[in-house]
Amino acid sequence: MPTYDYVCDGCGHAFELFQPITEAVKRKCPECKKLKLRRLFGAGAAIVFKGSGFYKTDYRSDAYKKGASADAPKTESKGSDSKGSGGSDKGSSGGSGGKSGD
């Protein structure tokens, strides 16, 4: 549920209200009881991950992790050769991009 900012045009009381998206906009000020309350536009909210355990593989099962580690050397050795040369081609393209920027 989002938190909304409200301000009363009658008394100037400002506060935040935690309410569902489906709930109607409040109109009555809790301080002065006038119908002068309006909801402010916010900058939006972002998801903030704090602490450990937010990497994409942190919640994988042990069986998945074992399978992935068994596949990793095979994929990396074959993929790194072909991708490595592709990466240097991209690097030279990046150099061309730098020249066009001059």
PDB file of N, CA and C in Angstrom:
ATOM      1  N   MET A   1       0.843  -1.184   0.000  1.00  0.00           N
ATOM      2  CA  MET A   1       0.000   0.000   0.000  1.00  0.00           C
ATOM      3  C   MET A   1       0.885   1.242   0.000  1.00  0.00           C
ATOM      4  N   PRO A   2       0.530   2.211  -0.794  1.00  0.00           N
ATOM      5  CA  PRO A   2       1.337   3.429  -0.861  1.00  0.00           C
ATOM      6  C   PRO A   2       1.049   4.413   0.266  1.00  0.00           C
ATOM      7  N   THR A   3       1.964   5.318   0.446  1.00  0.00           N
ATOM      8  CA  THR A   3       1.810   6.402   1.410  1.00  0.00           C
ATOM      9  C   THR A   3       1.551   7.682   0.631  1.00  0.00           C
ATOM     10  N   TYR A   4       0.503   8.393   0.999  1.00  0.00           N
ATOM     11  CA  TYR A   4       0.129   9.627   0.317  1.00  0.00           C
ATOM     12  C   TYR A   4       0.363  10.819   1.224  1.00  0.00           C
ATOM     13  N   ASP A   5       0.760  11.935   0.626  1.00  0.00           N
ATOM     14  CA  ASP A   5       0.947  13.188   1.355  1.00  0.00           C
ATOM     15  C   ASP A   5      -0.313  14.025   1.202  1.00  0.00           C
ATOM     16  N   TYR A   6      -0.789  14.558   2.322  1.00  0.00           N
ATOM     17  CA  TYR A   6      -1.967  15.415   2.328  1.00  0.00           C
ATOM     18  C   TYR A   6      -1.620  16.737   2.984  1.00  0.00           C
ATOM     19  N   VAL A   7      -2.328  17.792   2.593  1.00  0.00           N
ATOM     20  CA  VAL A   7      -2.183  19.095   3.233  1.00  0.00           C
ATOM     21  C   VAL A   7      -3.566  19.744   3.284  1.00  0.00           C
ATOM     22  N   CYS A   8      -3.834  20.440   4.373  1.00  0.00           N
ATOM     23  CA  CYS A   8      -5.105  21.132   4.538  1.00  0.00           C
ATOM     24  C   CYS A   8      -4.922  22.588   4.130  1.00  0.00           C
ATOM     25  N   ASP A   9      -5.765  23.054   3.215  1.00  0.00           N
ATOM     26  CA  ASP A   9      -5.707  24.458   2.797  1.00  0.00           C
ATOM     27  C   ASP A   9      -6.319  25.382   3.845  1.00  0.00           C
ATOM     28  N   GLY A  10      -7.087  24.827   4.777  1.00  0.00           N
ATOM     29  CA  GLY A  10      -7.709  25.628   5.826  1.00  0.00           C
ATOM     30  C   GLY A  10      -6.755  25.972   6.964  1.00  0.00           C
ATOM     31  N   CYS A  11      -6.108  24.944   7.514  1.00  0.00           N
ATOM     32  CA  CYS A  11      -5.239  25.173   8.677  1.00  0.00           C
ATOM     33  C   CYS A  11      -3.765  24.956   8.385  1.00  0.00           C
ATOM     34  N   GLY A  12      -3.420  24.389   7.214  1.00  0.00           N
ATOM     35  CA  GLY A  12      -2.021  24.175   6.860  1.00  0.00           C
ATOM     36  C   GLY A  12      -1.435  22.880   7.392  1.00  0.00           C
ATOM     37  N   HIS A  13      -2.260  22.057   8.035  1.00  0.00           N
ATOM     38  CA  HIS A  13      -1.790  20.786   8.590  1.00  0.00           C
ATOM     39  C   HIS A  13      -1.349  19.865   7.445  1.00  0.00           C
ATOM     40  N   ALA A  14      -0.137  19.342   7.532  1.00  0.00           N
ATOM     41  CA  ALA A  14       0.388  18.421   6.529  1.00  0.00           C
ATOM     42  C   ALA A  14       0.720  17.094   7.199  1.00  0.00           C
ATOM     43  N   PHE A  15       0.400  16.006   6.505  1.00  0.00           N
ATOM     44  CA  PHE A  15       0.663  14.679   7.063  1.00  0.00           C
ATOM     45  C   PHE A  15       0.719  13.649   5.946  1.00  0.00           C
ATOM     46  N   GLU A  16       1.206  12.451   6.296  1.00  0.00           N
ATOM     47  CA  GLU A  16       1.245  11.324   5.382  1.00  0.00           C
ATOM     48  C   GLU A  16       0.203  10.313   5.822  1.00  0.00           C
ATOM     49  N   LEU A  17      -0.428   9.660   4.843  1.00  0.00           N
ATOM     50  CA  LEU A  17      -1.447   8.669   5.146  1.00  0.00           C
ATOM     51  C   LEU A  17      -1.160   7.405   4.355  1.00  0.00           C
ATOM     52  N   PHE A  18      -1.111   6.293   5.055  1.00  0.00           N
ATOM     53  CA  PHE A  18      -0.867   4.981   4.467  1.00  0.00           C
ATOM     54  C   PHE A  18      -2.224   4.380   4.155  1.00  0.00           C
ATOM     55  N   GLN A  19      -2.596   4.304   2.867  1.00  0.00           N
ATOM     56  CA  GLN A  19      -3.916   3.805   2.502  1.00  0.00           C
ATOM     57  C   GLN A  19      -3.860   3.038   1.188  1.00  0.00           C
ATOM     58  N   PRO A  20      -4.836   2.141   0.976  1.00  0.00           N
ATOM     59  CA  PRO A  20      -4.862   1.368  -0.271  1.00  0.00           C
ATOM     60  C   PRO A  20      -5.100   2.264  -1.489  1.00  0.00           C
ATOM     61  N   ILE A  21      -4.670   1.800  -2.636  1.00  0.00           N
ATOM     62  CA  ILE A  21      -4.854   2.545  -3.875  1.00  0.00           C
ATOM     63  C   ILE A  21      -6.338   2.708  -4.189  1.00  0.00           C
ATOM     64  N   THR A  22      -7.119   1.696  -3.852  1.00  0.00           N
ATOM     65  CA  THR A  22      -8.550   1.704  -4.172  1.00  0.00           C
ATOM     66  C   THR A  22      -9.373   2.622  -3.269  1.00  0.00           C
ATOM     67  N   GLU A  23      -8.803   3.062  -2.162  1.00  0.00           N
ATOM     68  CA  GLU A  23      -9.543   3.922  -1.244  1.00  0.00           C
ATOM     69  C   GLU A  23      -9.650   5.339  -1.807  1.00  0.00           C
ATOM     70  N   ALA A  24     -10.784   5.976  -1.560  1.00  0.00           N
ATOM     71  CA  ALA A  24     -11.030   7.330  -2.068  1.00  0.00           C
ATOM     72  C   ALA A  24     -10.110   8.349  -1.399  1.00  0.00           C
ATOM     73  N   VAL A  25      -9.886   9.459  -2.090  1.00  0.00           N
ATOM     74  CA  VAL A  25      -9.061  10.550  -1.562  1.00  0.00           C
ATOM     75  C   VAL A  25      -9.780  11.171  -0.370  1.00  0.00           C
ATOM     76  N   LYS A  26      -9.043  11.407   0.714  1.00  0.00           N
ATOM     77  CA  LYS A  26      -9.623  12.015   1.914  1.00  0.00           C
ATOM     78  C   LYS A  26      -9.900  13.490   1.659  1.00  0.00           C
ATOM     79  N   ARG A  27     -10.983  13.985   2.204  1.00  0.00           N
ATOM     80  CA  ARG A  27     -11.361  15.389   2.018  1.00  0.00           C
ATOM     81  C   ARG A  27     -11.426  16.170   3.329  1.00  0.00           C
ATOM     82  N   LYS A  28     -11.643  15.472   4.438  1.00  0.00           N
ATOM     83  CA  LYS A  28     -11.822  16.138   5.729  1.00  0.00           C
ATOM     84  C   LYS A  28     -10.526  16.138   6.524  1.00  0.00           C
ATOM     85  N   CYS A  29     -10.095  17.307   6.948  1.00  0.00           N
ATOM     86  CA  CYS A  29      -8.869  17.455   7.727  1.00  0.00           C
ATOM     87  C   CYS A  29      -9.065  16.871   9.128  1.00  0.00           C
ATOM     88  N   PRO A  30      -8.128  16.065   9.610  1.00  0.00           N
ATOM     89  CA  PRO A  30      -8.253  15.505  10.955  1.00  0.00           C
ATOM     90  C   PRO A  30      -8.037  16.539  12.064  1.00  0.00           C
ATOM     91  N   GLU A  31      -7.408  17.657  11.757  1.00  0.00           N
ATOM     92  CA  GLU A  31      -7.142  18.700  12.754  1.00  0.00           C
ATOM     93  C   GLU A  31      -8.293  19.686  12.887  1.00  0.00           C
ATOM     94  N   CYS A  32      -8.644  20.352  11.784  1.00  0.00           N
ATOM     95  CA  CYS A  32      -9.653  21.419  11.858  1.00  0.00           C
ATOM     96  C   CYS A  32     -11.052  20.945  11.434  1.00  0.00           C
ATOM     97  N   LYS A  33     -11.141  19.723  10.931  1.00  0.00           N
ATOM     98  CA  LYS A  33     -12.405  19.095  10.516  1.00  0.00           C
ATOM     99  C   LYS A  33     -13.081  19.796   9.341  1.00  0.00           C
ATOM    100  N   LYS A  34     -12.362  20.626   8.597  1.00  0.00           N
ATOM    101  CA  LYS A  34     -12.913  21.294   7.420  1.00  0.00           C
ATOM    102  C   LYS A  34     -12.678  20.415   6.188  1.00  0.00           C
ATOM    103  N   LEU A  35     -13.472  20.624   5.162  1.00  0.00           N
ATOM    104  CA  LEU A  35     -13.342  19.873   3.912  1.00  0.00           C
ATOM    105  C   LEU A  35     -12.368  20.585   2.961  1.00  0.00           C
ATOM    106  N   LYS A  36     -11.204  20.901   3.470  1.00  0.00           N
ATOM    107  CA  LYS A  36     -10.194  21.633   2.710  1.00  0.00           C
ATOM    108  C   LYS A  36      -8.934  20.784   2.463  1.00  0.00           C
ATOM    109  N   LEU A  37      -9.026  19.501   2.681  1.00  0.00           N
ATOM    110  CA  LEU A  37      -7.875  18.623   2.552  1.00  0.00           C
ATOM    111  C   LEU A  37      -7.643  18.271   1.084  1.00  0.00           C
ATOM    112  N   ARG A  38      -6.387  18.267   0.663  1.00  0.00           N
ATOM    113  CA  ARG A  38      -6.064  17.842  -0.693  1.00  0.00           C
ATOM    114  C   ARG A  38      -4.828  16.955  -0.674  1.00  0.00           C
ATOM    115  N   ARG A  39      -4.813  16.018  -1.619  1.00  0.00           N
ATOM    116  CA  ARG A  39      -3.692  15.090  -1.723  1.00  0.00           C
ATOM    117  C   ARG A  39      -2.643  15.691  -2.651  1.00  0.00           C
ATOM    118  N   LEU A  40      -1.386  15.642  -2.223  1.00  0.00           N
ATOM    119  CA  LEU A  40      -0.283  16.196  -3.002  1.00  0.00           C
ATOM    120  C   LEU A  40       0.264  15.148  -3.973  1.00  0.00           C
ATOM    121  N   PHE A  41       0.832  15.626  -5.050  1.00  0.00           N
ATOM    122  CA  PHE A  41       1.496  14.735  -5.989  1.00  0.00           C
ATOM    123  C   PHE A  41       2.872  14.414  -5.448  1.00  0.00           C
ATOM    124  N   GLY A  42       3.190  13.144  -5.414  1.00  0.00           N
ATOM    125  CA  GLY A  42       4.495  12.724  -4.923  1.00  0.00           C
ATOM    126  C   GLY A  42       5.443  12.441  -6.072  1.00  0.00           C
ATOM    127  N   ALA A  43       6.685  12.280  -5.730  1.00  0.00           N
ATOM    128  CA  ALA A  43       7.710  11.964  -6.731  1.00  0.00           C
ATOM    129  C   ALA A  43       7.670  10.493  -7.094  1.00  0.00           C
ATOM    130  N   GLY A  44       6.860   9.728  -6.411  1.00  0.00           N
ATOM    131  CA  GLY A  44       6.810   8.302  -6.657  1.00  0.00           C
ATOM    132  C   GLY A  44       7.659   7.558  -5.650  1.00  0.00           C
ATOM    133  N   ALA A  45       7.553   6.283  -5.688  1.00  0.00           N
ATOM    134  CA  ALA A  45       8.287   5.469  -4.734  1.00  0.00           C
ATOM    135  C   ALA A  45       9.231   4.539  -5.480  1.00  0.00           C
ATOM    136  N   ALA A  46      10.277   4.158  -4.827  1.00  0.00           N
ATOM    137  CA  ALA A  46      11.220   3.205  -5.385  1.00  0.00           C
ATOM    138  C   ALA A  46      11.371   2.055  -4.411  1.00  0.00           C
ATOM    139  N   ILE A  47      11.723   0.930  -4.938  1.00  0.00           N
ATOM    140  CA  ILE A  47      11.972  -0.218  -4.082  1.00  0.00           C
ATOM    141  C   ILE A  47      13.384  -0.096  -3.544  1.00  0.00           C
ATOM    142  N   VAL A  48      13.519  -0.188  -2.256  1.00  0.00           N
ATOM    143  CA  VAL A  48      14.829  -0.090  -1.630  1.00  0.00           C
ATOM    144  C   VAL A  48      15.129  -1.430  -0.977  1.00  0.00           C
ATOM    145  N   PHE A  49      16.185  -2.069  -1.438  1.00  0.00           N
ATOM    146  CA  PHE A  49      16.607  -3.343  -0.875  1.00  0.00           C
ATOM    147  C   PHE A  49      17.714  -3.078   0.128  1.00  0.00           C
ATOM    148  N   LYS A  50      17.460  -3.441   1.374  1.00  0.00           N
ATOM    149  CA  LYS A  50      18.461  -3.249   2.417  1.00  0.00           C
ATOM    150  C   LYS A  50      18.851  -4.605   2.987  1.00  0.00           C
ATOM    151  N   GLY A  51      20.089  -4.756   3.276  1.00  0.00           N
ATOM    152  CA  GLY A  51      20.559  -5.985   3.882  1.00  0.00           C
ATOM    153  C   GLY A  51      21.025  -6.991   2.855  1.00  0.00           C
ATOM    154  N   SER A  52      21.344  -8.179   3.334  1.00  0.00           N
ATOM    155  CA  SER A  52      21.818  -9.224   2.432  1.00  0.00           C
ATOM    156  C   SER A  52      20.638 -10.041   1.929  1.00  0.00           C
ATOM    157  N   GLY A  53      20.858 -10.792   0.880  1.00  0.00           N
ATOM    158  CA  GLY A  53      19.825 -11.691   0.378  1.00  0.00           C
ATOM    159  C   GLY A  53      19.031 -11.150  -0.775  1.00  0.00           C
ATOM    160  N   PHE A  54      19.551 -10.170  -1.498  1.00  0.00           N
ATOM    161  CA  PHE A  54      18.789  -9.598  -2.601  1.00  0.00           C
ATOM    162  C   PHE A  54      19.443  -9.828  -3.958  1.00  0.00           C
ATOM    163  N   TYR A  55      20.403 -10.738  -4.023  1.00  0.00           N
ATOM    164  CA  TYR A  55      20.980 -11.050  -5.315  1.00  0.00           C
ATOM    165  C   TYR A  55      20.108 -12.091  -5.991  1.00  0.00           C
ATOM    166  N   LYS A  56      20.070 -12.123  -7.306  1.00  0.00           N
ATOM    167  CA  LYS A  56      19.128 -12.970  -8.032  1.00  0.00           C
ATOM    168  C   LYS A  56      19.286 -14.457  -7.750  1.00  0.00           C
ATOM    169  N   THR A  57      20.456 -14.897  -7.326  1.00  0.00           N
ATOM    170  CA  THR A  57      20.651 -16.319  -7.068  1.00  0.00           C
ATOM    171  C   THR A  57      20.570 -16.671  -5.584  1.00  0.00           C
ATOM    172  N   ASP A  58      20.299 -15.737  -4.728  1.00  0.00           N
ATOM    173  CA  ASP A  58      20.278 -16.020  -3.298  1.00  0.00           C
ATOM    174  C   ASP A  58      19.175 -16.981  -2.880  1.00  0.00           C
ATOM    175  N   TYR A  59      18.094 -17.025  -3.605  1.00  0.00           N
ATOM    176  CA  TYR A  59      16.966 -17.860  -3.200  1.00  0.00           C
ATOM    177  C   TYR A  59      16.868 -19.141  -4.023  1.00  0.00           C
ATOM    178  N   ARG A  60      17.887 -19.468  -4.781  1.00  0.00           N
ATOM    179  CA  ARG A  60      17.877 -20.684  -5.583  1.00  0.00           C
ATOM    180  C   ARG A  60      18.084 -21.894  -4.682  1.00  0.00           C
ATOM    181  N   SER A  61      17.528 -23.033  -5.113  1.00  0.00           N
ATOM    182  CA  SER A  61      17.680 -24.270  -4.348  1.00  0.00           C
ATOM    183  C   SER A  61      19.113 -24.777  -4.491  1.00  0.00           C
ATOM    184  N   ASP A  62      19.512 -25.659  -3.581  1.00  0.00           N
ATOM    185  CA  ASP A  62      20.856 -26.222  -3.625  1.00  0.00           C
ATOM    186  C   ASP A  62      21.049 -27.057  -4.888  1.00  0.00           C
ATOM    187  N   ALA A  63      19.992 -27.764  -5.307  1.00  0.00           N
ATOM    188  CA  ALA A  63      20.081 -28.577  -6.523  1.00  0.00           C
ATOM    189  C   ALA A  63      20.345 -27.691  -7.741  1.00  0.00           C
ATOM    190  N   TYR A  64      19.694 -26.562  -7.799  1.00  0.00           N
ATOM    191  CA  TYR A  64      19.901 -25.635  -8.916  1.00  0.00           C
ATOM    192  C   TYR A  64      21.326 -25.098  -8.902  1.00  0.00           C
ATOM    193  N   LYS A  65      21.806 -24.727  -7.728  1.00  0.00           N
ATOM    194  CA  LYS A  65      23.161 -24.179  -7.621  1.00  0.00           C
ATOM    195  C   LYS A  65      24.208 -25.219  -8.039  1.00  0.00           C
ATOM    196  N   LYS A  66      23.996 -26.494  -7.647  1.00  0.00           N
ATOM    197  CA  LYS A  66      24.938 -27.544  -8.030  1.00  0.00           C
ATOM    198  C   LYS A  66      24.917 -27.755  -9.540  1.00  0.00           C
ATOM    199  N   GLY A  67      23.720 -27.766 -10.115  1.00  0.00           N
ATOM    200  CA  GLY A  67      23.591 -27.927 -11.565  1.00  0.00           C
ATOM    201  C   GLY A  67      24.215 -26.769 -12.316  1.00  0.00           C
ATOM    202  N   ALA A  68      24.023 -25.581 -11.820  1.00  0.00           N
ATOM    203  CA  ALA A  68      24.585 -24.400 -12.465  1.00  0.00           C
ATOM    204  C   ALA A  68      26.103 -24.400 -12.389  1.00  0.00           C
ATOM    205  N   SER A  69      26.644 -24.810 -11.252  1.00  0.00           N
ATOM    206  CA  SER A  69      28.107 -24.835 -11.122  1.00  0.00           C
ATOM    207  C   SER A  69      28.699 -25.944 -11.986  1.00  0.00           C
ATOM    208  N   ALA A  70      27.974 -27.065 -12.183  1.00  0.00           N
ATOM    209  CA  ALA A  70      28.465 -28.138 -13.050  1.00  0.00           C
ATOM    210  C   ALA A  70      28.451 -27.689 -14.506  1.00  0.00           C
ATOM    211  N   ASP A  71      27.455 -26.909 -14.892  1.00  0.00           N
ATOM    212  CA  ASP A  71      27.354 -26.420 -16.273  1.00  0.00           C
ATOM    213  C   ASP A  71      28.274 -25.235 -16.535  1.00  0.00           C
ATOM    214  N   ALA A  72      28.607 -24.484 -15.539  1.00  0.00           N
ATOM    215  CA  ALA A  72      29.357 -23.244 -15.709  1.00  0.00           C
ATOM    216  C   ALA A  72      30.706 -23.432 -16.403  1.00  0.00           C
ATOM    217  N   PRO A  73      31.577 -24.375 -16.007  1.00  0.00           N
ATOM    218  CA  PRO A  73      32.871 -24.494 -16.686  1.00  0.00           C
ATOM    219  C   PRO A  73      32.721 -24.856 -18.165  1.00  0.00           C
ATOM    220  N   LYS A  74      31.774 -25.731 -18.504  1.00  0.00           N
ATOM    221  CA  LYS A  74      31.574 -26.123 -19.896  1.00  0.00           C
ATOM    222  C   LYS A  74      31.116 -24.920 -20.712  1.00  0.00           C
ATOM    223  N   THR A  75      30.161 -24.199 -20.199  1.00  0.00           N
ATOM    224  CA  THR A  75      29.606 -23.046 -20.903  1.00  0.00           C
ATOM    225  C   THR A  75      30.643 -21.940 -21.014  1.00  0.00           C
ATOM    226  N   GLU A  76      31.376 -21.702 -19.947  1.00  0.00           N
ATOM    227  CA  GLU A  76      32.354 -20.614 -19.942  1.00  0.00           C
ATOM    228  C   GLU A  76      33.500 -20.886 -20.903  1.00  0.00           C
ATOM    229  N   SER A  77      34.004 -22.150 -20.932  1.00  0.00           N
ATOM    230  CA  SER A  77      35.149 -22.425 -21.781  1.00  0.00           C
ATOM    231  C   SER A  77      34.774 -22.314 -23.253  1.00  0.00           C
ATOM    232  N   LYS A  78      33.609 -22.820 -23.642  1.00  0.00           N
ATOM    233  CA  LYS A  78      33.179 -22.702 -25.031  1.00  0.00           C
ATOM    234  C   LYS A  78      32.715 -21.287 -25.316  1.00  0.00           C
ATOM    235  N   GLY A  79      31.924 -20.742 -24.411  1.00  0.00           N
ATOM    236  CA  GLY A  79      31.353 -19.421 -24.625  1.00  0.00           C
ATOM    237  C   GLY A  79      32.389 -18.317 -24.550  1.00  0.00           C
ATOM    238  N   SER A  80      33.400 -18.491 -23.721  1.00  0.00           N
ATOM    239  CA  SER A  80      34.378 -17.413 -23.572  1.00  0.00           C
ATOM    240  C   SER A  80      35.231 -17.262 -24.826  1.00  0.00           C
ATOM    241  N   ASP A  81      35.502 -18.397 -25.536  1.00  0.00           N
ATOM    242  CA  ASP A  81      36.285 -18.297 -26.767  1.00  0.00           C
ATOM    243  C   ASP A  81      35.507 -17.540 -27.838  1.00  0.00           C
ATOM    244  N   SER A  82      34.271 -17.967 -28.064  1.00  0.00           N
ATOM    245  CA  SER A  82      33.488 -17.312 -29.117  1.00  0.00           C
ATOM    246  C   SER A  82      33.038 -15.923 -28.684  1.00  0.00           C
ATOM    247  N   LYS A  83      32.658 -15.805 -27.436  1.00  0.00           N
ATOM    248  CA  LYS A  83      32.210 -14.498 -26.950  1.00  0.00           C
ATOM    249  C   LYS A  83      33.395 -13.554 -26.763  1.00  0.00           C
ATOM    250  N   GLY A  84      34.544 -14.126 -26.424  1.00  0.00           N
ATOM    251  CA  GLY A  84      35.724 -13.298 -26.220  1.00  0.00           C
ATOM    252  C   GLY A  84      36.116 -12.593 -27.496  1.00  0.00           C
ATOM    253  N   SER A  85      36.072 -13.330 -28.628  1.00  0.00           N
ATOM    254  CA  SER A  85      36.405 -12.677 -29.894  1.00  0.00           C
ATOM    255  C   SER A  85      35.312 -11.700 -30.280  1.00  0.00           C
ATOM    256  N   GLY A  86      34.053 -12.051 -29.956  1.00  0.00           N
ATOM    257  CA  GLY A  86      32.956 -11.132 -30.242  1.00  0.00           C
ATOM    258  C   GLY A  86      33.073  -9.887 -29.390  1.00  0.00           C
ATOM    259  N   GLY A  87      33.580 -10.069 -28.171  1.00  0.00           N
ATOM    260  CA  GLY A  87      33.750  -8.924 -27.288  1.00  0.00           C
ATOM    261  C   GLY A  87      34.807  -7.966 -27.815  1.00  0.00           C
ATOM    262  N   SER A  88      35.891  -8.528 -28.437  1.00  0.00           N
ATOM    263  CA  SER A  88      36.906  -7.625 -28.960  1.00  0.00           C
ATOM    264  C   SER A  88      36.421  -6.945 -30.220  1.00  0.00           C
ATOM    265  N   ASP A  89      35.539  -7.609 -30.987  1.00  0.00           N
ATOM    266  CA  ASP A  89      34.943  -6.941 -32.145  1.00  0.00           C
ATOM    267  C   ASP A  89      34.090  -5.774 -31.685  1.00  0.00           C
ATOM    268  N   LYS A  90      33.363  -6.015 -30.631  1.00  0.00           N
ATOM    269  CA  LYS A  90      32.529  -4.933 -30.080  1.00  0.00           C
ATOM    270  C   LYS A  90      33.395  -3.802 -29.567  1.00  0.00           C
ATOM    271  N   GLY A  91      34.538  -4.166 -28.999  1.00  0.00           N
ATOM    272  CA  GLY A  91      35.442  -3.150 -28.493  1.00  0.00           C
ATOM    273  C   GLY A  91      35.961  -2.286 -29.629  1.00  0.00           C
ATOM    274  N   SER A  92      36.249  -2.907 -30.801  1.00  0.00           N
ATOM    275  CA  SER A  92      36.723  -2.101 -31.921  1.00  0.00           C
ATOM    276  C   SER A  92      35.597  -1.246 -32.471  1.00  0.00           C
ATOM    277  N   SER A  93      34.350  -1.779 -32.409  1.00  0.00           N
ATOM    278  CA  SER A  93      33.206  -0.972 -32.827  1.00  0.00           C
ATOM    279  C   SER A  93      33.041   0.212 -31.886  1.00  0.00           C
ATOM    280  N   GLY A  94      33.305  -0.060 -30.603  1.00  0.00           N
ATOM    281  CA  GLY A  94      33.209   1.013 -29.622  1.00  0.00           C
ATOM    282  C   GLY A  94      34.224   2.110 -29.933  1.00  0.00           C
ATOM    283  N   GLY A  95      35.420   1.703 -30.460  1.00  0.00           N
ATOM    284  CA  GLY A  95      36.433   2.672 -30.832  1.00  0.00           C
ATOM    285  C   GLY A  95      35.965   3.514 -32.001  1.00  0.00           C
ATOM    286  N   SER A  96      35.237   2.880 -32.932  1.00  0.00           N
ATOM    287  CA  SER A  96      34.691   3.642 -34.060  1.00  0.00           C
ATOM    288  C   SER A  96      33.684   4.637 -33.565  1.00  0.00           C
ATOM    289  N   GLY A  97      32.880   4.194 -32.571  1.00  0.00           N
ATOM    290  CA  GLY A  97      31.889   5.092 -32.002  1.00  0.00           C
ATOM    291  C   GLY A  97      32.546   6.292 -31.366  1.00  0.00           C
ATOM    292  N   GLY A  98      33.724   6.071 -30.777  1.00  0.00           N
ATOM    293  CA  GLY A  98      34.448   7.175 -30.160  1.00  0.00           C
ATOM    294  C   GLY A  98      34.941   8.162 -31.211  1.00  0.00           C
ATOM    295  N   LYS A  99      35.336   7.637 -32.391  1.00  0.00           N
ATOM    296  CA  LYS A  99      35.818   8.503 -33.457  1.00  0.00           C
ATOM    297  C   LYS A  99      34.683   9.377 -34.004  1.00  0.00           C
ATOM    298  N   SER A 100      33.498   8.749 -34.111  1.00  0.00           N
ATOM    299  CA  SER A 100      32.366   9.536 -34.631  1.00  0.00           C
ATOM    300  C   SER A 100      31.948  10.608 -33.638  1.00  0.00           C
ATOM    301  N   GLY A 101      32.263  10.388 -32.346  1.00  0.00           N
ATOM    302  CA  GLY A 101      31.932  11.380 -31.342  1.00  0.00           C
ATOM    303  C   GLY A 101      32.865  12.569 -31.395  1.00  0.00           C
ATOM    304  N   ASP A 102      34.031  12.430 -32.022  1.00  0.00           N
ATOM    305  CA  ASP A 102      34.998  13.541 -32.088  1.00  0.00           C
ATOM    306  C   ASP A 102      34.535  14.566 -33.001  1.00  0.00           C
TER     307      ASP A 102
END
